Amino acid sequence: MKKILFIVIAVLFVGCSYKTYETQTYNISTSKSPTNKPYLINGKFYYPLKKVHIGWTQKGIASWYGPDFHGKFTSNGEVYNMYAYTAAHKTLPMNTIVKVTNLQNGLSAVVRVNDRGPFVKGRVIDCSYMAGKDLGLDKSGIARVKLEVVGFAGQVATKTKKTS
């Protein structure tokens, strides 16, 4: 009986916690997280973005990472799972949801930023193995891509109509 009650409460709690981002801009400047502070890698400073809006885009080269990192910690403290739809980006806020489109074959995947990188010149995103496979990166290794922010805090934003 206690187990059933626990499950019912858990389902209600999760169902009530869903958020939509109607404001189109996500401001993380109040966050004290270490992942939002500037950091130094190989003599270069990187400055995580304080504000990002739905529709923000970037083009560049994508790569993927997998077995060598599987089970290790990501920059936000999660354990990396190469079978999850996650990615590393140098400056996007953690938990930003990004649609990655391979400009060479038209394939796309939606990922959640949970790590920092890639720190290879010209690369803008490092996708998990599973996302990379969906994009065709498992065959090509790297590809030219377009990134588009589609959500925040682990949730894809809903489209809202502007009122006059």
Protein backbone atom coordinates (compact mmCIF):
# COMPACT_ATOMS: atom_id res chain seq x y z
CA MET A 1 0.00 0.00 0.00
CA LYS A 2 2.83 2.39 0.88
CA LYS A 3 4.51 1.61 -2.43
CA ILE A 4 1.35 2.50 -4.41
CA LEU A 5 0.89 5.72 -2.43
CA PHE A 6 4.53 6.66 -3.09
CA ILE A 7 4.09 6.06 -6.85
CA VAL A 8 0.90 8.17 -6.96
CA ILE A 9 2.59 11.04 -5.11
CA ALA A 10 5.67 10.79 -7.35
CA VAL A 11 3.54 10.92 -10.52
CA LEU A 12 1.59 13.94 -9.23
CA PHE A 13 4.81 15.72 -8.24
CA VAL A 14 6.45 15.17 -11.62
CA GLY A 15 3.28 16.11 -13.49
CA CYS A 16 2.98 19.39 -11.61
CA SER A 17 6.61 20.38 -12.13
CA TYR A 18 6.43 20.91 -15.92
CA LYS A 19 7.38 24.44 -16.99
CA THR A 20 6.96 26.24 -20.28
CA TYR A 21 9.06 29.25 -21.21
CA GLU A 22 6.68 31.78 -22.64
CA THR A 23 9.07 34.69 -22.07
CA GLN A 24 11.36 33.49 -24.89
CA THR A 25 14.46 34.50 -22.88
CA TYR A 26 16.08 32.55 -20.09
CA ASN A 27 18.14 34.63 -17.66
CA ILE A 28 20.66 32.67 -15.62
CA SER A 29 22.59 35.64 -14.26
CA THR A 30 21.27 35.02 -10.74
CA SER A 31 22.60 31.46 -10.64
CA LYS A 32 25.58 30.82 -8.35
CA SER A 33 26.54 27.60 -10.17
CA PRO A 34 30.26 27.19 -10.89
CA THR A 35 29.32 26.19 -14.45
CA ASN A 36 28.12 29.76 -15.08
CA LYS A 37 31.44 31.36 -14.18
CA PRO A 38 34.23 32.18 -16.66
CA TYR A 39 36.81 29.40 -16.96
CA LEU A 40 40.29 28.92 -18.42
CA ILE A 41 41.22 26.04 -20.75
CA ASN A 42 44.58 25.85 -22.55
CA GLY A 43 45.31 29.52 -21.86
CA LYS A 44 41.97 30.79 -23.18
CA PHE A 45 39.10 32.20 -21.12
CA TYR A 46 35.53 31.18 -21.91
CA TYR A 47 32.54 33.20 -20.68
CA PRO A 48 29.25 31.29 -20.33
CA LEU A 49 26.34 33.29 -21.71
CA LYS A 50 24.14 35.06 -19.16
CA LYS A 51 21.09 35.32 -21.42
CA VAL A 52 19.97 33.11 -24.27
CA HIS A 53 16.72 33.29 -26.22
CA ILE A 54 14.64 30.72 -28.04
CA GLY A 55 15.80 30.70 -31.63
CA TRP A 56 19.45 31.65 -30.89
CA THR A 57 21.56 29.98 -33.59
CA GLN A 58 25.17 29.14 -34.29
CA LYS A 59 26.91 27.34 -37.14
CA GLY A 60 30.14 25.40 -37.00
CA ILE A 61 31.64 21.95 -36.77
CA ALA A 62 30.19 19.21 -34.55
CA SER A 63 31.89 16.08 -33.29
CA TRP A 64 30.88 13.30 -30.92
CA TYR A 65 32.34 11.68 -27.84
CA GLY A 66 31.62 8.29 -26.36
CA PRO A 67 33.36 5.29 -24.80
CA ASP A 68 36.42 7.09 -23.39
CA PHE A 69 34.15 9.40 -21.35
CA HIS A 70 31.25 7.04 -20.57
CA GLY A 71 30.73 6.85 -16.80
CA LYS A 72 32.92 9.88 -16.04
CA PHE A 73 31.67 13.17 -14.63
CA THR A 74 30.55 16.01 -16.89
CA SER A 75 31.12 19.69 -16.11
CA ASN A 76 27.76 20.01 -14.36
CA GLY A 77 28.46 17.00 -12.11
CA GLU A 78 26.35 14.42 -13.92
CA VAL A 79 27.75 11.06 -14.93
CA TYR A 80 28.20 11.02 -18.70
CA ASN A 81 26.00 8.52 -20.50
CA MET A 82 26.95 8.12 -24.15
CA TYR A 83 23.45 6.74 -24.86
CA ALA A 84 21.66 9.87 -23.61
CA TYR A 85 20.91 12.87 -25.82
CA THR A 86 23.38 15.33 -24.32
CA ALA A 87 26.17 17.58 -25.56
CA ALA A 88 29.11 19.75 -24.58
CA HIS A 89 29.15 23.44 -25.52
CA LYS A 90 31.68 26.07 -24.47
CA THR A 91 29.30 28.86 -23.46
CA LEU A 92 25.61 27.88 -23.57
CA PRO A 93 24.01 27.66 -20.12
CA MET A 94 23.78 24.16 -18.67
CA ASN A 95 20.49 22.39 -19.40
CA THR A 96 19.86 24.47 -22.52
CA ILE A 97 17.99 22.37 -25.08
CA VAL A 98 19.49 22.60 -28.57
CA LYS A 99 18.38 21.25 -31.93
CA VAL A 100 21.47 20.21 -33.87
CA THR A 101 21.05 19.88 -37.65
CA ASN A 102 23.72 18.30 -39.84
CA LEU A 103 23.96 20.67 -42.81
CA GLN A 104 25.52 17.97 -44.96
CA ASN A 105 22.75 15.36 -44.73
CA GLY A 106 19.75 17.16 -43.14
CA LEU A 107 19.59 14.86 -40.09
CA SER A 108 18.88 16.44 -36.71
CA ALA A 109 18.84 15.60 -33.00
CA VAL A 110 17.69 17.47 -29.90
CA VAL A 111 20.23 17.49 -27.06
CA ARG A 112 20.61 18.95 -23.57
CA VAL A 113 23.85 20.78 -22.74
CA ASN A 114 25.42 19.16 -19.67
CA ASP A 115 29.15 19.54 -20.35
CA ARG A 116 31.77 22.03 -21.52
CA GLY A 117 33.75 21.70 -24.73
CA PRO A 118 34.78 20.88 -27.36
CA PHE A 119 38.15 22.55 -27.03
CA VAL A 120 39.27 21.87 -30.59
CA LYS A 121 39.58 24.88 -32.89
CA GLY A 122 36.53 25.40 -35.09
CA ARG A 123 34.25 23.00 -33.25
CA VAL A 124 31.10 24.36 -31.63
CA ILE A 125 29.48 21.28 -30.09
CA ASP A 126 30.43 17.78 -28.98
CA CYS A 127 27.41 15.47 -29.08
CA SER A 128 26.95 12.26 -27.13
CA TYR A 129 27.46 9.06 -29.10
CA MET A 130 23.70 8.48 -29.49
CA ALA A 131 23.01 12.02 -30.74
CA GLY A 132 26.08 11.82 -32.97
CA LYS A 133 24.83 8.55 -34.44
CA ASP A 134 21.44 10.14 -35.22
CA LEU A 135 23.28 12.98 -36.98
CA GLY A 136 25.50 10.62 -38.98
CA LEU A 137 28.63 11.69 -37.09
CA ASP A 138 29.47 8.08 -36.21
CA LYS A 139 30.37 7.61 -39.89
CA SER A 140 31.85 11.00 -40.77
CA GLY A 141 33.44 11.89 -37.40
CA ILE A 142 32.67 15.59 -37.81
CA ALA A 143 30.16 17.64 -39.81
CA ARG A 144 29.07 21.21 -40.39
CA VAL A 145 25.98 21.87 -38.26
CA LYS A 146 23.49 24.50 -37.24
CA LEU A 147 22.53 24.82 -33.58
CA GLU A 148 19.20 26.31 -32.53
CA VAL A 149 18.11 26.86 -28.93
CA VAL A 150 14.66 25.29 -28.47
CA GLY A 151 14.30 25.17 -24.68
CA PHE A 152 15.74 25.54 -21.21
CA ALA A 153 16.05 23.66 -17.94
CA GLY A 154 15.50 20.34 -19.67
CA GLN A 155 12.19 21.38 -21.32
CA VAL A 156 11.47 22.24 -24.94
CA ALA A 157 9.75 25.62 -25.01
CA THR A 158 6.21 25.95 -26.24
CA LYS A 159 5.39 28.30 -29.07
CA THR A 160 3.39 31.28 -27.86
CA LYS A 161 1.48 33.92 -29.76
CA LYS A 162 2.27 37.56 -29.16
CA THR A 163 -0.67 39.67 -28.08
CA SER A 164 -1.00 43.23 -29.34
